[in-house]
Amino acid sequence: MKLTKKTRYGTRLLLDLAQNQDKGAVQMSEISTRQNISVKYLEQIIRPLKKAKLVNSIRGPKGGHMLAKKPEKITLGDITRLFEDQSELVDCISEPETCPKSDDCVVRLGWQKATIALYTELDSISIANLLENKNTTT
């Protein structure tokens, strides 16, 4: 499974907001500079994050963006499910009708177990965990 750029950059955006949450609302231009991601691309990423209620926005000259939840409550699983078109490793898990062998396919069951294991692990890693790891390795 290869994660999309939106998933990777969305995670970086949330990490940046978490690292700077003590400063209040963070402007997109600041995130862009620190993360080396264009403002235009960040604007595309922030929309689904706001819709998923992971980010709040404040308008005005001192406006910007901030986390809508505590960093402990936002997981890599949340972010991956939000940005990836398909959260299963193979289509036949969620759409068994796409494969004529899905009713008796033992490989499908293996992919299903692997998907569950992957998301169990992703759900166990929060933005706060990632920040803790960063702070212990620097």
Protein backbone atom coordinates (compact mmCIF):
# COMPACT_ATOMS: atom_id res chain seq x y z
CA MET A 1 0.00 0.00 0.00
CA LYS A 2 1.42 3.35 -1.02
CA LEU A 3 -0.08 6.35 0.75
CA THR A 4 -1.09 9.38 -1.29
CA LYS A 5 0.63 12.72 -0.98
CA LYS A 6 -2.55 14.11 0.60
CA THR A 7 -2.33 11.58 3.43
CA ARG A 8 1.35 12.30 4.04
CA TYR A 9 0.98 16.08 3.81
CA GLY A 10 -2.26 16.04 5.83
CA THR A 11 -0.35 14.31 8.61
CA ARG A 12 2.44 16.88 8.41
CA LEU A 13 -0.11 19.70 8.53
CA LEU A 14 -1.75 18.25 11.66
CA LEU A 15 1.63 17.70 13.28
CA ASP A 16 2.57 21.31 12.57
CA LEU A 17 -0.67 22.54 14.13
CA ALA A 18 -0.07 20.36 17.18
CA GLN A 19 3.51 21.60 17.56
CA ASN A 20 2.34 25.21 17.38
CA GLN A 21 -0.96 24.98 19.24
CA ASP A 22 0.36 27.06 22.15
CA LYS A 23 0.62 30.03 19.73
CA GLY A 24 -3.10 29.99 18.93
CA ALA A 25 -4.36 30.01 15.36
CA VAL A 26 -1.63 29.22 12.84
CA GLN A 27 -1.64 30.85 9.42
CA MET A 28 -1.35 28.74 6.31
CA SER A 29 1.67 30.70 5.09
CA GLU A 30 3.58 29.74 8.26
CA ILE A 31 2.78 26.06 7.79
CA SER A 32 3.74 26.32 4.14
CA THR A 33 7.14 27.73 5.00
CA ARG A 34 7.90 25.24 7.77
CA GLN A 35 6.67 22.19 5.84
CA ASN A 36 7.80 23.28 2.38
CA ILE A 37 4.32 22.65 0.95
CA SER A 38 2.59 25.24 -1.23
CA VAL A 39 -0.24 27.24 0.33
CA LYS A 40 -2.46 26.24 -2.59
CA TYR A 41 -1.93 22.53 -1.88
CA LEU A 42 -2.40 23.03 1.87
CA GLU A 43 -5.74 24.72 1.16
CA GLN A 44 -6.88 21.59 -0.69
CA ILE A 45 -5.82 19.40 2.22
CA ILE A 46 -7.36 21.51 4.96
CA ARG A 47 -10.91 21.31 3.55
CA PRO A 48 -11.44 17.61 4.30
CA LEU A 49 -9.70 18.03 7.67
CA LYS A 50 -12.18 20.77 8.58
CA LYS A 51 -15.12 18.72 7.29
CA ALA A 52 -13.95 15.78 9.43
CA LYS A 53 -13.81 18.16 12.42
CA LEU A 54 -10.09 17.65 12.95
CA VAL A 55 -9.25 21.32 12.28
CA ASN A 56 -11.00 24.60 13.12
CA SER A 57 -10.46 27.81 11.20
CA ILE A 58 -10.68 31.38 12.42
CA ARG A 59 -11.21 34.22 9.97
CA GLY A 60 -9.70 37.65 10.16
CA PRO A 61 -6.29 39.29 10.34
CA LYS A 62 -5.25 37.22 13.37
CA GLY A 63 -7.01 34.14 12.07
CA GLY A 64 -5.64 30.83 11.04
CA HIS A 65 -6.10 27.18 11.82
CA MET A 66 -5.91 25.03 14.94
CA LEU A 67 -6.62 21.48 15.94
CA ALA A 68 -10.27 20.82 16.75
CA LYS A 69 -9.33 17.81 18.88
CA LYS A 70 -6.49 17.06 21.24
CA PRO A 71 -3.46 15.50 19.51
CA GLU A 72 -4.08 12.32 21.55
CA LYS A 73 -7.47 11.94 19.84
CA ILE A 74 -6.24 12.15 16.22
CA THR A 75 -4.70 8.96 14.85
CA LEU A 76 -2.88 7.97 11.71
CA GLY A 77 -5.86 5.70 11.05
CA ASP A 78 -8.21 8.71 11.06
CA ILE A 79 -6.00 10.57 8.61
CA THR A 80 -5.47 7.59 6.31
CA ARG A 81 -9.19 6.77 6.14
CA LEU A 82 -9.93 10.42 5.35
CA PHE A 83 -7.56 10.80 2.42
CA GLU A 84 -7.26 7.34 0.89
CA ASP A 85 -9.93 6.43 -1.65
CA GLN A 86 -9.91 2.86 -0.45
CA SER A 87 -8.99 1.78 3.05
CA GLU A 88 -8.83 -1.94 2.27
CA LEU A 89 -5.71 -3.45 0.78
CA VAL A 90 -7.73 -5.06 -2.05
CA ASP A 91 -11.11 -4.24 -3.61
CA CYS A 92 -12.69 -7.62 -2.94
CA ILE A 93 -12.78 -7.05 0.82
CA SER A 94 -15.42 -4.32 0.67
CA GLU A 95 -16.80 -5.27 -2.76
CA PRO A 96 -16.77 -9.08 -2.99
CA GLU A 97 -18.84 -8.91 -6.17
CA THR A 98 -15.78 -7.56 -8.02
CA CYS A 99 -14.21 -11.02 -7.94
CA PRO A 100 -15.96 -14.21 -9.02
CA LYS A 101 -13.83 -16.23 -6.56
CA SER A 102 -14.45 -14.10 -3.46
CA ASP A 103 -16.93 -16.56 -1.87
CA ASP A 104 -14.32 -19.28 -1.45
CA CYS A 105 -11.07 -17.34 -1.71
CA VAL A 106 -8.66 -17.98 1.15
CA VAL A 107 -6.34 -15.23 -0.06
CA ARG A 108 -9.16 -12.69 0.37
CA LEU A 109 -9.39 -13.69 4.04
CA GLY A 110 -5.64 -13.11 4.38
CA TRP A 111 -5.91 -9.64 2.86
CA GLN A 112 -8.83 -8.91 5.18
CA LYS A 113 -6.77 -9.91 8.25
CA ALA A 114 -3.84 -7.83 7.01
CA THR A 115 -6.10 -4.80 6.53
CA ILE A 116 -7.46 -5.17 10.05
CA ALA A 117 -3.93 -5.47 11.46
CA LEU A 118 -2.77 -2.42 9.53
CA TYR A 119 -5.60 -0.20 10.77
CA THR A 120 -5.32 -1.52 14.31
CA GLU A 121 -1.73 -0.32 14.30
CA LEU A 122 -2.53 3.01 12.57
CA ASP A 123 -5.33 3.62 15.08
CA SER A 124 -2.88 3.11 17.94
CA ILE A 125 -0.57 5.93 16.76
CA SER A 126 -1.76 9.43 17.59
CA ILE A 127 -0.41 12.82 16.63
CA ALA A 128 0.68 13.13 20.27
CA ASN A 129 2.66 9.85 19.98
CA LEU A 130 4.45 11.18 16.91
CA LEU A 131 5.31 14.41 18.73
CA GLU A 132 6.63 12.43 21.71
CA ASN A 133 8.84 10.40 19.39
CA LYS A 134 10.14 13.56 17.74
CA ASN A 135 10.98 15.12 21.07
CA THR A 136 12.86 12.05 22.29
CA THR A 137 14.93 11.70 19.10
CA THR A 138 16.09 15.31 18.78
